[in-house]
């Protein structure tokens, strides 16, 4: 029986059909692929302000919770804090899936702790949980080239080629999901790094 180290998976994005295909929803795209992989259905829970699903992997008794906050990005921390408190999940047992300006489309990196990098979802989570000590799976979306263009960039749809690169990278990295939640972080990071460089 594997030891479950990460118990909460959070896909960041904005609610509403107008945001579904935008770069800022890359974390939602990722968790949707995870739900397809494990045949999960996210259900809305008003008390958490989130869409949530419970997953128990074969050979384990420890449940893992998948959530997509139902608030806008800059209030994501409300849902994260509520679920952590209710299920007694520590920040260090949490993995945030989010778009990353500092990585090109097609790259995904794993890290623990660190700054928010100007990401409003991460800022909200840090504000509500009072810590930066959680895992992040950073999904590359590229950078528009100037900080004044960032807001419009993340809230717009990527080109077809960039969207394909992002979705392919998510699908390509899914085999690393279980090693990550089982605490095989160094191995998963090495595999993701190798995959990114060999594509």
C-alpha atoms as a PDB file:
ATOM      1  CA  UNK A   1       0.000   0.000   0.000  1.00  0.00           C
ATOM      2  CA  UNK A   2       1.478   3.331  -1.075  1.00  0.00           C
ATOM      3  CA  UNK A   3       1.782   6.213   1.348  1.00  0.00           C
ATOM      4  CA  UNK A   4      -0.377   9.153   0.242  1.00  0.00           C
ATOM      5  CA  UNK A   5       1.520  12.387   0.856  1.00  0.00           C
ATOM      6  CA  UNK A   6      -0.666  14.815  -1.102  1.00  0.00           C
ATOM      7  CA  UNK A   7      -4.379  14.756  -0.283  1.00  0.00           C
ATOM      8  CA  UNK A   8      -5.761  17.861  -1.993  1.00  0.00           C
ATOM      9  CA  UNK A   9      -5.462  18.686  -5.706  1.00  0.00           C
ATOM     10  CA  UNK A  10      -6.628  22.149  -6.768  1.00  0.00           C
ATOM     11  CA  UNK A  11      -7.129  23.253 -10.383  1.00  0.00           C
ATOM     12  CA  UNK A  12      -7.094  27.045 -10.668  1.00  0.00           C
ATOM     13  CA  UNK A  13      -9.164  29.028 -13.141  1.00  0.00           C
ATOM     14  CA  UNK A  14     -12.103  31.397 -13.541  1.00  0.00           C
ATOM     15  CA  UNK A  15     -15.756  30.253 -13.632  1.00  0.00           C
ATOM     16  CA  UNK A  16     -18.045  30.844 -16.586  1.00  0.00           C
ATOM     17  CA  UNK A  17     -18.052  29.823 -20.253  1.00  0.00           C
ATOM     18  CA  UNK A  18     -16.262  33.004 -21.315  1.00  0.00           C
ATOM     19  CA  UNK A  19     -13.138  31.829 -19.451  1.00  0.00           C
ATOM     20  CA  UNK A  20     -13.228  28.106 -20.203  1.00  0.00           C
ATOM     21  CA  UNK A  21     -10.744  28.209 -23.084  1.00  0.00           C
ATOM     22  CA  UNK A  22      -8.454  30.939 -21.712  1.00  0.00           C
ATOM     23  CA  UNK A  23      -4.842  30.463 -20.653  1.00  0.00           C
ATOM     24  CA  UNK A  24      -5.647  31.280 -17.027  1.00  0.00           C
ATOM     25  CA  UNK A  25      -7.755  28.100 -16.881  1.00  0.00           C
ATOM     26  CA  UNK A  26      -4.874  25.722 -17.615  1.00  0.00           C
ATOM     27  CA  UNK A  27      -5.148  24.358 -14.061  1.00  0.00           C
ATOM     28  CA  UNK A  28      -8.800  23.522 -14.706  1.00  0.00           C
ATOM     29  CA  UNK A  29      -7.841  21.789 -17.971  1.00  0.00           C
ATOM     30  CA  UNK A  30      -5.394  19.656 -16.003  1.00  0.00           C
ATOM     31  CA  UNK A  31      -7.840  18.589 -13.321  1.00  0.00           C
ATOM     32  CA  UNK A  32     -10.433  17.801 -15.993  1.00  0.00           C
ATOM     33  CA  UNK A  33      -7.976  15.385 -17.593  1.00  0.00           C
ATOM     34  CA  UNK A  34      -7.322  13.840 -14.174  1.00  0.00           C
ATOM     35  CA  UNK A  35     -11.072  13.401 -13.655  1.00  0.00           C
ATOM     36  CA  UNK A  36     -11.336  11.651 -17.027  1.00  0.00           C
ATOM     37  CA  UNK A  37      -8.402   9.419 -16.112  1.00  0.00           C
ATOM     38  CA  UNK A  38      -9.979   8.357 -12.801  1.00  0.00           C
ATOM     39  CA  UNK A  39     -13.620   8.563 -13.964  1.00  0.00           C
ATOM     40  CA  UNK A  40     -14.554  11.230 -11.435  1.00  0.00           C
ATOM     41  CA  UNK A  41     -17.414  13.730 -11.517  1.00  0.00           C
ATOM     42  CA  UNK A  42     -16.913  17.068  -9.799  1.00  0.00           C
ATOM     43  CA  UNK A  43     -19.971  18.259  -7.859  1.00  0.00           C
ATOM     44  CA  UNK A  44     -20.614  21.764  -6.618  1.00  0.00           C
ATOM     45  CA  UNK A  45     -20.535  22.243  -2.832  1.00  0.00           C
ATOM     46  CA  UNK A  46     -21.796  25.627  -1.652  1.00  0.00           C
ATOM     47  CA  UNK A  47     -20.099  25.305   1.746  1.00  0.00           C
ATOM     48  CA  UNK A  48     -16.692  25.040   0.042  1.00  0.00           C
ATOM     49  CA  UNK A  49     -17.409  27.421  -2.850  1.00  0.00           C
ATOM     50  CA  UNK A  50     -15.925  24.724  -5.061  1.00  0.00           C
ATOM     51  CA  UNK A  51     -16.607  21.812  -7.374  1.00  0.00           C
ATOM     52  CA  UNK A  52     -15.233  18.745  -5.605  1.00  0.00           C
ATOM     53  CA  UNK A  53     -14.689  15.012  -6.125  1.00  0.00           C
ATOM     54  CA  UNK A  54     -13.338  12.270  -3.889  1.00  0.00           C
ATOM     55  CA  UNK A  55     -10.795   9.833  -5.299  1.00  0.00           C
ATOM     56  CA  UNK A  56      -9.465   6.679  -3.676  1.00  0.00           C
ATOM     57  CA  UNK A  57      -6.682   5.081  -5.679  1.00  0.00           C
ATOM     58  CA  UNK A  58      -6.396   1.278  -5.918  1.00  0.00           C
ATOM     59  CA  UNK A  59      -4.468  -0.142  -2.976  1.00  0.00           C
ATOM     60  CA  UNK A  60      -5.079   2.907  -0.782  1.00  0.00           C
ATOM     61  CA  UNK A  61      -7.579   3.838   1.880  1.00  0.00           C
ATOM     62  CA  UNK A  62      -6.595   7.513   2.140  1.00  0.00           C
ATOM     63  CA  UNK A  63      -8.941   9.633   0.004  1.00  0.00           C
ATOM     64  CA  UNK A  64      -7.682  12.395  -2.260  1.00  0.00           C
ATOM     65  CA  UNK A  65      -9.850  15.431  -2.920  1.00  0.00           C
ATOM     66  CA  UNK A  66      -9.955  17.124  -6.314  1.00  0.00           C
ATOM     67  CA  UNK A  67     -11.386  20.649  -6.402  1.00  0.00           C
ATOM     68  CA  UNK A  68     -11.956  23.543  -8.779  1.00  0.00           C
ATOM     69  CA  UNK A  69     -12.796  26.739  -6.862  1.00  0.00           C
ATOM     70  CA  UNK A  70     -16.107  28.222  -8.028  1.00  0.00           C
ATOM     71  CA  UNK A  71     -14.930  31.757  -7.251  1.00  0.00           C
ATOM     72  CA  UNK A  72     -12.904  33.992  -9.525  1.00  0.00           C
ATOM     73  CA  UNK A  73      -9.162  33.431  -9.528  1.00  0.00           C
ATOM     74  CA  UNK A  74      -8.351  36.163  -7.012  1.00  0.00           C
ATOM     75  CA  UNK A  75     -10.579  34.483  -4.409  1.00  0.00           C
ATOM     76  CA  UNK A  76      -9.328  30.902  -4.911  1.00  0.00           C
ATOM     77  CA  UNK A  77      -7.950  30.763  -1.386  1.00  0.00           C
ATOM     78  CA  UNK A  78     -11.450  30.703   0.115  1.00  0.00           C
ATOM     79  CA  UNK A  79     -12.173  27.246  -1.294  1.00  0.00           C
ATOM     80  CA  UNK A  80      -8.699  25.909  -0.555  1.00  0.00           C
ATOM     81  CA  UNK A  81      -8.846  27.039   3.070  1.00  0.00           C
ATOM     82  CA  UNK A  82     -12.383  25.682   3.558  1.00  0.00           C
ATOM     83  CA  UNK A  83     -11.536  22.213   2.216  1.00  0.00           C
ATOM     84  CA  UNK A  84      -8.250  22.051   4.125  1.00  0.00           C
ATOM     85  CA  UNK A  85      -9.981  22.921   7.388  1.00  0.00           C
ATOM     86  CA  UNK A  86     -12.945  20.581   6.930  1.00  0.00           C
ATOM     87  CA  UNK A  87     -10.881  17.523   5.938  1.00  0.00           C
ATOM     88  CA  UNK A  88      -7.891  18.415   8.153  1.00  0.00           C
ATOM     89  CA  UNK A  89      -5.510  18.651   5.214  1.00  0.00           C
ATOM     90  CA  UNK A  90      -2.212  20.440   5.726  1.00  0.00           C
ATOM     91  CA  UNK A  91      -0.901  22.995   3.220  1.00  0.00           C
ATOM     92  CA  UNK A  92       2.091  20.716   2.572  1.00  0.00           C
ATOM     93  CA  UNK A  93      -0.418  17.997   1.553  1.00  0.00           C
ATOM     94  CA  UNK A  94      -1.816  20.298  -1.142  1.00  0.00           C
ATOM     95  CA  UNK A  95      -0.941  20.470  -4.846  1.00  0.00           C
ATOM     96  CA  UNK A  96      -2.007  23.538  -6.836  1.00  0.00           C
ATOM     97  CA  UNK A  97      -2.306  23.171 -10.619  1.00  0.00           C
ATOM     98  CA  UNK A  98      -1.880  26.560 -12.293  1.00  0.00           C
ATOM     99  CA  UNK A  99      -0.844  28.412 -15.432  1.00  0.00           C
ATOM    100  CA  UNK A 100       2.728  29.707 -15.481  1.00  0.00           C
ATOM    101  CA  UNK A 101       3.872  32.727 -17.506  1.00  0.00           C
ATOM    102  CA  UNK A 102       7.565  31.964 -16.983  1.00  0.00           C
ATOM    103  CA  UNK A 103       7.390  28.618 -18.811  1.00  0.00           C
ATOM    104  CA  UNK A 104       6.745  28.188 -22.547  1.00  0.00           C
ATOM    105  CA  UNK A 105       3.687  26.256 -23.739  1.00  0.00           C
ATOM    106  CA  UNK A 106       4.460  22.551 -23.617  1.00  0.00           C
ATOM    107  CA  UNK A 107       6.462  22.622 -20.369  1.00  0.00           C
ATOM    108  CA  UNK A 108       5.295  21.591 -16.905  1.00  0.00           C
ATOM    109  CA  UNK A 109       7.368  21.922 -13.741  1.00  0.00           C
ATOM    110  CA  UNK A 110       6.841  20.836 -10.154  1.00  0.00           C
ATOM    111  CA  UNK A 111       7.990  22.867  -7.174  1.00  0.00           C
ATOM    112  CA  UNK A 112       7.397  23.256  -3.446  1.00  0.00           C
ATOM    113  CA  UNK A 113       7.087  26.600  -1.690  1.00  0.00           C
ATOM    114  CA  UNK A 114       8.266  29.855  -3.242  1.00  0.00           C
ATOM    115  CA  UNK A 115       6.666  33.117  -4.290  1.00  0.00           C
ATOM    116  CA  UNK A 116       3.423  33.803  -6.116  1.00  0.00           C
ATOM    117  CA  UNK A 117       5.055  35.190  -9.276  1.00  0.00           C
ATOM    118  CA  UNK A 118       2.255  37.715  -9.662  1.00  0.00           C
ATOM    119  CA  UNK A 119      -0.349  34.945  -9.926  1.00  0.00           C
ATOM    120  CA  UNK A 120      -3.592  36.117  -8.286  1.00  0.00           C
ATOM    121  CA  UNK A 121      -4.752  32.586  -7.498  1.00  0.00           C
ATOM    122  CA  UNK A 122      -1.548  31.780  -5.624  1.00  0.00           C
ATOM    123  CA  UNK A 123      -1.699  35.148  -3.854  1.00  0.00           C
ATOM    124  CA  UNK A 124      -5.193  34.383  -2.601  1.00  0.00           C
ATOM    125  CA  UNK A 125      -4.188  30.924  -1.388  1.00  0.00           C
ATOM    126  CA  UNK A 126      -1.188  32.327   0.498  1.00  0.00           C
ATOM    127  CA  UNK A 127      -3.383  35.051   1.991  1.00  0.00           C
ATOM    128  CA  UNK A 128      -6.026  32.613   3.252  1.00  0.00           C
ATOM    129  CA  UNK A 129      -3.754  29.783   4.401  1.00  0.00           C
ATOM    130  CA  UNK A 130      -0.986  32.064   5.709  1.00  0.00           C
ATOM    131  CA  UNK A 131       1.744  29.934   4.139  1.00  0.00           C
ATOM    132  CA  UNK A 132       3.598  29.396   0.876  1.00  0.00           C
ATOM    133  CA  UNK A 133       4.531  25.835   1.876  1.00  0.00           C
ATOM    134  CA  UNK A 134       2.478  23.892  -0.654  1.00  0.00           C
ATOM    135  CA  UNK A 135       3.220  22.102  -3.935  1.00  0.00           C
ATOM    136  CA  UNK A 136       2.646  23.711  -7.313  1.00  0.00           C
ATOM    137  CA  UNK A 137       2.444  22.078 -10.725  1.00  0.00           C
ATOM    138  CA  UNK A 138       3.282  24.947 -13.075  1.00  0.00           C
ATOM    139  CA  UNK A 139       1.743  24.628 -16.546  1.00  0.00           C
ATOM    140  CA  UNK A 140       3.605  26.728 -19.106  1.00  0.00           C
ATOM    141  CA  UNK A 141       1.522  29.191 -21.123  1.00  0.00           C
ATOM    142  CA  UNK A 142       4.307  31.505 -22.296  1.00  0.00           C
ATOM    143  CA  UNK A 143       4.656  35.268 -21.748  1.00  0.00           C
ATOM    144  CA  UNK A 144       3.293  38.091 -23.907  1.00  0.00           C
ATOM    145  CA  UNK A 145       6.632  39.903 -23.699  1.00  0.00           C
ATOM    146  CA  UNK A 146       5.609  42.876 -21.563  1.00  0.00           C
ATOM    147  CA  UNK A 147       3.994  42.989 -18.143  1.00  0.00           C
ATOM    148  CA  UNK A 148       1.386  45.516 -19.303  1.00  0.00           C
ATOM    149  CA  UNK A 149      -0.033  42.876 -21.640  1.00  0.00           C
ATOM    150  CA  UNK A 150      -0.216  40.073 -19.058  1.00  0.00           C
ATOM    151  CA  UNK A 151      -3.818  40.615 -17.883  1.00  0.00           C
ATOM    152  CA  UNK A 152      -5.274  40.492 -21.390  1.00  0.00           C
ATOM    153  CA  UNK A 153      -2.946  37.650 -22.341  1.00  0.00           C
ATOM    154  CA  UNK A 154      -3.935  35.231 -19.562  1.00  0.00           C
ATOM    155  CA  UNK A 155      -7.639  35.982 -20.093  1.00  0.00           C
ATOM    156  CA  UNK A 156      -7.495  35.251 -23.816  1.00  0.00           C
ATOM    157  CA  UNK A 157      -7.454  31.972 -25.699  1.00  0.00           C
ATOM    158  CA  UNK A 158      -4.059  30.652 -26.797  1.00  0.00           C
ATOM    159  CA  UNK A 159      -3.298  30.040 -30.443  1.00  0.00           C
ATOM    160  CA  UNK A 160      -4.251  26.608 -31.730  1.00  0.00           C
ATOM    161  CA  UNK A 161      -0.609  25.519 -31.719  1.00  0.00           C
ATOM    162  CA  UNK A 162      -0.033  26.769 -28.150  1.00  0.00           C
ATOM    163  CA  UNK A 163      -3.275  25.176 -26.953  1.00  0.00           C
ATOM    164  CA  UNK A 164      -2.204  21.858 -28.482  1.00  0.00           C
ATOM    165  CA  UNK A 165       1.189  22.114 -26.780  1.00  0.00           C
ATOM    166  CA  UNK A 166      -0.411  22.815 -23.406  1.00  0.00           C
ATOM    167  CA  UNK A 167      -2.933  19.982 -23.675  1.00  0.00           C
ATOM    168  CA  UNK A 168      -0.298  17.553 -24.941  1.00  0.00           C
ATOM    169  CA  UNK A 169       2.022  18.469 -22.053  1.00  0.00           C
ATOM    170  CA  UNK A 170      -0.782  17.863 -19.560  1.00  0.00           C
ATOM    171  CA  UNK A 171      -1.571  14.463 -21.073  1.00  0.00           C
ATOM    172  CA  UNK A 172       2.140  13.596 -21.266  1.00  0.00           C
ATOM    173  CA  UNK A 173       2.668  14.419 -17.577  1.00  0.00           C
ATOM    174  CA  UNK A 174      -0.322  12.495 -16.185  1.00  0.00           C
ATOM    175  CA  UNK A 175       1.737   9.326 -15.487  1.00  0.00           C
ATOM    176  CA  UNK A 176       3.704  11.399 -12.947  1.00  0.00           C
ATOM    177  CA  UNK A 177       0.574  12.245 -10.963  1.00  0.00           C
ATOM    178  CA  UNK A 178       0.550   9.150  -8.758  1.00  0.00           C
ATOM    179  CA  UNK A 179       4.301   9.314  -7.969  1.00  0.00           C
ATOM    180  CA  UNK A 180       3.776  12.954  -6.961  1.00  0.00           C
ATOM    181  CA  UNK A 181       0.921  12.277  -4.542  1.00  0.00           C
ATOM    182  CA  UNK A 182       2.830   9.306  -3.124  1.00  0.00           C
ATOM    183  CA  UNK A 183       5.725  11.587  -2.253  1.00  0.00           C
ATOM    184  CA  UNK A 184       8.140  10.447  -4.960  1.00  0.00           C
ATOM    185  CA  UNK A 185       8.755  14.101  -5.676  1.00  0.00           C
ATOM    186  CA  UNK A 186      12.393  13.982  -6.788  1.00  0.00           C
ATOM    187  CA  UNK A 187      11.678  11.169  -9.223  1.00  0.00           C
ATOM    188  CA  UNK A 188       8.611  12.934 -10.623  1.00  0.00           C
ATOM    189  CA  UNK A 189      10.512  16.209 -10.998  1.00  0.00           C
ATOM    190  CA  UNK A 190      13.322  14.424 -12.813  1.00  0.00           C
ATOM    191  CA  UNK A 191      10.881  12.657 -15.135  1.00  0.00           C
ATOM    192  CA  UNK A 192       8.998  15.878 -15.902  1.00  0.00           C
ATOM    193  CA  UNK A 193      12.262  17.690 -16.581  1.00  0.00           C
ATOM    194  CA  UNK A 194      13.402  14.903 -18.902  1.00  0.00           C
ATOM    195  CA  UNK A 195      10.076  14.838 -20.717  1.00  0.00           C
ATOM    196  CA  UNK A 196      10.121  18.602 -21.180  1.00  0.00           C
ATOM    197  CA  UNK A 197      13.601  18.478 -22.709  1.00  0.00           C
ATOM    198  CA  UNK A 198      12.953  15.451 -24.917  1.00  0.00           C
ATOM    199  CA  UNK A 199       9.672  16.499 -26.527  1.00  0.00           C
END
